[in-house]
């Protein structure tokens, strides 16, 4: 009987026909240019969103600052004069970054139910922006596409983040449902190709991801666009920080490093980069449209290229190669042939991490200013491939007062060593990072030997010390660096570990909460207050206000003081007998 069912599933085109919604569709163009220069500043729709968002964030910030009982500090008077802005950045690192990041996110969320100890509840509600890349993009993408869901709600949801089974074997021993999953994915990806668009392994990977992270959406998010999330209630009412996913531009068969990378922001409103190698953005809803110098080539535009799973897959394309490991004996013919051709073709295989955006919305046939503009295909890869594994660059372009940098990388023994901050710091001295100042940080050995990864560390505590980096020192955010470490669970798991029991999933999330909350507030009873001191610092400096004694003591505990670790060299004399 089972064999008969499988035979029908694999052979009948009637059974396979689906209304999948994954393929982009043609729509009438509204007219005018669909790209803009990054030199114009922020997107107008983003500005409008933030104008409505900030008063709500400020009310929540006032509540947080009152709750932490800052000494000798008048919250109301301060906020009448100052406008602190908060950015949250969640690093890559596969499921490790997703789960530890989820715990950190929960620690910032006023909705989290805490039975013992305290977190930093209210910071999420006070934030203006939230960014993620790779595994961090799974976290950010999943929570924002599900209406800024709380981690408490997510944990008790029986569909989202069911990590007991691998993405590649999502339905485990339910053979029929597992086959149907791959059949649906194959049909959806083929429909995009049949509509005239190039496809890549990222299409398959993004659809597979959606079974974990967009489970609550129709057809597992096949027709859900990243631009659609602005219709979610918490975004319509401006209760949510504005989301940004990151990717990096890379021409096939080339290498990228932090010093020459083109960092792309993928937002609900637009996609593009402030990098001098592009300096342009295109409307997210129109990203699949054939353009020349930003102008549609006919009256037809494309809608639906910005599938949310495809965006999350683009930001985490490092994982594309996992798709090639599937035992494809029972896959539908289209996927089987596509994967097998990918394995055989040496050019495609060597660029397996590339997500193809064809046509390239930034193409310019007459006078291209950059190599990206001269290419008919835009190639994007995992946001962490240039070493900047914390998505900081877009936040540095938005004049944040403070950025919380959650580092769940696996630099050494599965834990961070500060490399992500070092890479972003270095980048500002080269063309790619021009006009993107970042506070001074030490080298990786200093991060480790000075225990800067074993507890939260503040960088850029005094704007007056940043004058050699920029004239606009108050626009350089104070960075609160929080690195993954083990408290209650061995959280240095492999980046490529694809399944966790529900118990281990929850233990990882709990450990992440402990990382951000300083072990539920037990390691420092003033940690919440010290975070408050960090949030207000830049605006205090801008207004010429003196720090309170309490905040000065906090900064003595948490600010990097500029010390660099130097190994002592041993003088060894050799004696001959």
Foldseek 3Di string as FASTA:
>chain_A
DVVVLLVCCQPPPVNLDDPQQQAWDKDFDPDDFQKDFCVVPDDPVLVVLLVLQQVQLLVLLLVLLVVLPDPPDDSVVLVVQDRFAEEEWQFAQALLSQLLVLLLVLLQDLPRDDPDFHGLHSNQQNHQEYEYFASGLLNLLLCLLVLNDRVVVVLVDPQAQQQQDFLQCVVPPPVVVSQSLLSNLLVLQVSNVVVPDDFALLSSQLSSSLSHRQVVDVSSQSNPFQLCSCVRPCNVSSSGHFYWYKWWFDDAPDAAALQDIFIWTDGSAWIGGCFPQASMIGGRQQQLADDAQRGGPDRMTIGNNRRSSSSNSQQNLVCSVVLLVDPCPSGHPSVVVNSVVCVVDPRNVSVNQWGKRAQGSLAHPPDDPHPSNPDRITIIGHRCRNVLRIPCQVVLSVLHQEYETEAQQQPDLLWDQCSNVVSLCVNCVHSRNPPRHEFDDEDSVQSVVVVCAVAKAKTLLDLVVCVVSDVPSLSHYIYTYFIQDDDPDHSSDHSPPRGDRSVVSVVSSVSSSCSNRVHSCPNPVSPSVLVSLRSCRSVCVVVVHDDDPVNVVSCVVHYDPPDYDDDDDDDDDDDDD
